[in-house]
């Protein structure tokens, strides 16, 4: 399986969200609502917004481990 195929299998919701957002932005650029030069900035902002909850979910599934070298 390709690297892209493995990523789609692991992150189906994120792939779906990115696909929908990209399609919506393409329509907005077509109708002139979003300037095509601003598109990379908008995509980066959307990616950041989508990434933050993913990081928080990952953090909620692990527990901190004390530093064994200091006895903590």
N, C-alpha and C. Protein backbone atom coordinates (compact mmCIF):
# COMPACT_ATOMS: atom_id res chain seq x y z
N UNK A 1 0.85 -1.17 0.00
CA UNK A 1 0.00 0.00 0.00
C UNK A 1 0.89 1.23 0.00
N UNK A 2 0.50 2.22 -0.73
CA UNK A 2 1.29 3.45 -0.83
C UNK A 2 1.20 4.25 0.47
N UNK A 3 2.12 5.19 0.59
CA UNK A 3 2.12 6.05 1.78
C UNK A 3 0.81 6.83 1.87
N UNK A 4 0.32 7.32 0.74
CA UNK A 4 -0.94 8.06 0.72
C UNK A 4 -2.10 7.15 1.14
N UNK A 5 -2.10 5.93 0.67
CA UNK A 5 -3.16 4.97 1.04
C UNK A 5 -3.16 4.67 2.53
N UNK A 6 -1.96 4.54 3.11
CA UNK A 6 -1.87 4.29 4.57
C UNK A 6 -2.38 5.50 5.35
N UNK A 7 -2.04 6.71 4.86
CA UNK A 7 -2.50 7.92 5.56
C UNK A 7 -4.02 8.02 5.50
N UNK A 8 -4.61 7.72 4.35
CA UNK A 8 -6.07 7.76 4.21
C UNK A 8 -6.71 6.74 5.13
N UNK A 9 -6.11 5.58 5.26
CA UNK A 9 -6.67 4.54 6.13
C UNK A 9 -6.58 4.95 7.60
N UNK A 10 -5.53 5.66 7.99
CA UNK A 10 -5.36 6.07 9.39
C UNK A 10 -6.15 7.32 9.74
N UNK A 11 -6.33 8.22 8.79
CA UNK A 11 -6.94 9.53 9.05
C UNK A 11 -8.14 9.79 8.15
N UNK A 12 -9.16 8.93 8.12
CA UNK A 12 -10.25 9.13 7.16
C UNK A 12 -11.05 10.42 7.38
N UNK A 13 -11.25 10.82 8.62
CA UNK A 13 -12.02 12.04 8.89
C UNK A 13 -11.25 13.26 8.42
N UNK A 14 -9.97 13.30 8.72
CA UNK A 14 -9.15 14.44 8.32
C UNK A 14 -9.08 14.55 6.79
N UNK A 15 -8.92 13.41 6.11
CA UNK A 15 -8.90 13.42 4.65
C UNK A 15 -10.22 13.95 4.11
N UNK A 16 -11.32 13.52 4.70
CA UNK A 16 -12.64 13.99 4.26
C UNK A 16 -12.78 15.50 4.49
N UNK A 17 -12.37 15.97 5.64
CA UNK A 17 -12.48 17.41 5.94
C UNK A 17 -11.63 18.22 4.97
N UNK A 18 -10.39 17.80 4.75
CA UNK A 18 -9.53 18.53 3.82
C UNK A 18 -10.12 18.53 2.41
N UNK A 19 -10.69 17.40 1.99
CA UNK A 19 -11.28 17.33 0.66
C UNK A 19 -12.46 18.29 0.53
N UNK A 20 -13.32 18.30 1.53
CA UNK A 20 -14.49 19.19 1.49
C UNK A 20 -14.06 20.66 1.54
N UNK A 21 -13.12 20.98 2.41
CA UNK A 21 -12.66 22.37 2.52
C UNK A 21 -12.01 22.82 1.22
N UNK A 22 -11.20 21.97 0.61
CA UNK A 22 -10.56 22.32 -0.65
C UNK A 22 -11.59 22.55 -1.75
N UNK A 23 -12.61 21.71 -1.80
CA UNK A 23 -13.66 21.89 -2.80
C UNK A 23 -14.42 23.19 -2.57
N UNK A 24 -14.74 23.49 -1.33
CA UNK A 24 -15.45 24.74 -1.02
C UNK A 24 -14.59 25.95 -1.39
N UNK A 25 -13.30 25.88 -1.06
CA UNK A 25 -12.41 27.00 -1.40
C UNK A 25 -12.27 27.16 -2.91
N UNK A 26 -12.27 26.05 -3.65
CA UNK A 26 -12.20 26.14 -5.11
C UNK A 26 -13.42 26.87 -5.67
N UNK A 27 -14.57 26.59 -5.11
CA UNK A 27 -15.80 27.28 -5.55
C UNK A 27 -15.72 28.76 -5.17
N UNK A 28 -15.24 29.06 -3.98
CA UNK A 28 -15.13 30.45 -3.55
C UNK A 28 -14.16 31.23 -4.41
N UNK A 29 -13.07 30.60 -4.84
CA UNK A 29 -12.12 31.26 -5.74
C UNK A 29 -12.77 31.48 -7.10
N UNK A 30 -13.51 30.48 -7.56
CA UNK A 30 -14.17 30.59 -8.87
C UNK A 30 -15.15 31.77 -8.88
N UNK A 31 -15.89 31.98 -7.81
CA UNK A 31 -16.86 33.06 -7.76
C UNK A 31 -16.25 34.38 -7.29
N UNK A 32 -14.96 34.40 -7.01
CA UNK A 32 -14.29 35.64 -6.63
C UNK A 32 -14.46 36.05 -5.19
N UNK A 33 -14.96 35.16 -4.36
CA UNK A 33 -15.12 35.48 -2.94
C UNK A 33 -13.76 35.47 -2.24
N UNK A 34 -12.92 34.53 -2.62
CA UNK A 34 -11.56 34.42 -2.08
C UNK A 34 -10.59 34.64 -3.23
N UNK A 35 -9.60 35.51 -3.02
CA UNK A 35 -8.59 35.76 -4.05
C UNK A 35 -7.66 34.56 -4.15
N UNK A 36 -7.27 34.23 -5.37
CA UNK A 36 -6.43 33.04 -5.55
C UNK A 36 -5.06 33.18 -4.90
N UNK A 37 -4.60 34.41 -4.70
CA UNK A 37 -3.31 34.59 -4.02
C UNK A 37 -3.44 34.37 -2.52
N UNK A 38 -4.64 34.47 -1.98
CA UNK A 38 -4.87 34.25 -0.56
C UNK A 38 -5.18 32.79 -0.24
N UNK A 39 -5.37 31.98 -1.27
CA UNK A 39 -5.76 30.59 -1.07
C UNK A 39 -4.77 29.80 -0.20
N UNK A 40 -3.46 29.89 -0.43
CA UNK A 40 -2.54 29.14 0.45
C UNK A 40 -2.64 29.54 1.92
N UNK A 41 -2.87 30.81 2.18
CA UNK A 41 -3.00 31.28 3.56
C UNK A 41 -4.27 30.72 4.19
N UNK A 42 -5.35 30.72 3.44
CA UNK A 42 -6.61 30.19 3.95
C UNK A 42 -6.49 28.69 4.20
N UNK A 43 -5.86 27.96 3.28
CA UNK A 43 -5.67 26.52 3.48
C UNK A 43 -4.79 26.24 4.70
N UNK A 44 -3.76 27.04 4.90
CA UNK A 44 -2.89 26.86 6.07
C UNK A 44 -3.67 27.12 7.36
N UNK A 45 -4.51 28.14 7.36
CA UNK A 45 -5.32 28.44 8.54
C UNK A 45 -6.30 27.30 8.84
N UNK A 46 -6.94 26.79 7.81
CA UNK A 46 -7.87 25.67 8.00
C UNK A 46 -7.12 24.44 8.51
N UNK A 47 -5.94 24.19 7.96
CA UNK A 47 -5.14 23.05 8.42
C UNK A 47 -4.77 23.18 9.90
N UNK A 48 -4.43 24.38 10.30
CA UNK A 48 -4.10 24.61 11.71
C UNK A 48 -5.30 24.39 12.60
N UNK A 49 -6.46 24.85 12.17
CA UNK A 49 -7.67 24.67 12.97
C UNK A 49 -8.04 23.19 13.08
N UNK A 50 -7.85 22.44 12.01
CA UNK A 50 -8.15 21.01 12.03
C UNK A 50 -7.11 20.24 12.85
N UNK A 51 -5.86 20.71 12.85
CA UNK A 51 -4.78 19.99 13.53
C UNK A 51 -4.86 20.13 15.05
N UNK A 52 -5.31 21.24 15.56
CA UNK A 52 -5.34 21.47 17.01
C UNK A 52 -6.20 20.43 17.73
N UNK A 53 -7.42 20.18 17.30
CA UNK A 53 -8.20 19.14 17.99
C UNK A 53 -7.55 17.75 17.89
N UNK A 54 -6.88 17.47 16.78
CA UNK A 54 -6.22 16.18 16.63
C UNK A 54 -5.11 16.01 17.65
N UNK A 55 -4.36 17.07 17.89
CA UNK A 55 -3.29 17.02 18.89
C UNK A 55 -3.87 16.83 20.28
N UNK A 56 -4.94 17.53 20.58
CA UNK A 56 -5.57 17.39 21.89
C UNK A 56 -6.13 16.00 22.11
N UNK A 57 -6.70 15.40 21.08
CA UNK A 57 -7.19 14.03 21.21
C UNK A 57 -6.04 13.08 21.48
N UNK A 58 -4.94 13.26 20.76
CA UNK A 58 -3.78 12.41 20.97
C UNK A 58 -3.22 12.57 22.39
N UNK A 59 -3.15 13.81 22.86
CA UNK A 59 -2.66 14.05 24.22
C UNK A 59 -3.58 13.46 25.28
N UNK A 60 -4.87 13.41 25.01
CA UNK A 60 -5.81 12.89 26.00
C UNK A 60 -5.69 11.37 26.14
N UNK A 61 -5.05 10.72 25.18
CA UNK A 61 -4.95 9.26 25.20
C UNK A 61 -3.66 8.76 25.82
N UNK A 62 -2.79 9.64 26.25
CA UNK A 62 -1.52 9.23 26.87
C UNK A 62 -1.44 9.82 28.27
N UNK A 63 -0.63 9.20 29.10
CA UNK A 63 -0.42 9.74 30.43
C UNK A 63 1.05 10.11 30.57
N UNK A 64 1.32 11.18 31.27
CA UNK A 64 2.71 11.60 31.42
C UNK A 64 3.50 10.60 32.25
N UNK A 65 4.76 10.49 31.91
CA UNK A 65 5.67 9.61 32.63
C UNK A 65 6.76 10.47 33.21
N UNK A 66 7.04 10.29 34.49
CA UNK A 66 8.08 11.07 35.14
C UNK A 66 9.46 10.70 34.62
N UNK A 67 10.40 11.64 34.72
CA UNK A 67 11.77 11.42 34.32
C UNK A 67 12.43 10.48 35.31
N UNK A 68 12.78 9.29 34.86
CA UNK A 68 13.33 8.27 35.75
C UNK A 68 14.73 8.62 36.24
N UNK A 69 15.46 9.45 35.50
CA UNK A 69 16.83 9.80 35.92
C UNK A 69 16.83 10.72 37.12
N UNK A 70 15.76 11.49 37.33
CA UNK A 70 15.71 12.41 38.46
C UNK A 70 14.80 11.89 39.58
N UNK A 71 14.23 10.73 39.35
CA UNK A 71 13.37 10.16 40.37
C UNK A 71 11.97 10.75 40.36
N UNK A 72 11.60 11.47 39.29
CA UNK A 72 10.30 12.13 39.23
C UNK A 72 9.26 11.35 38.68
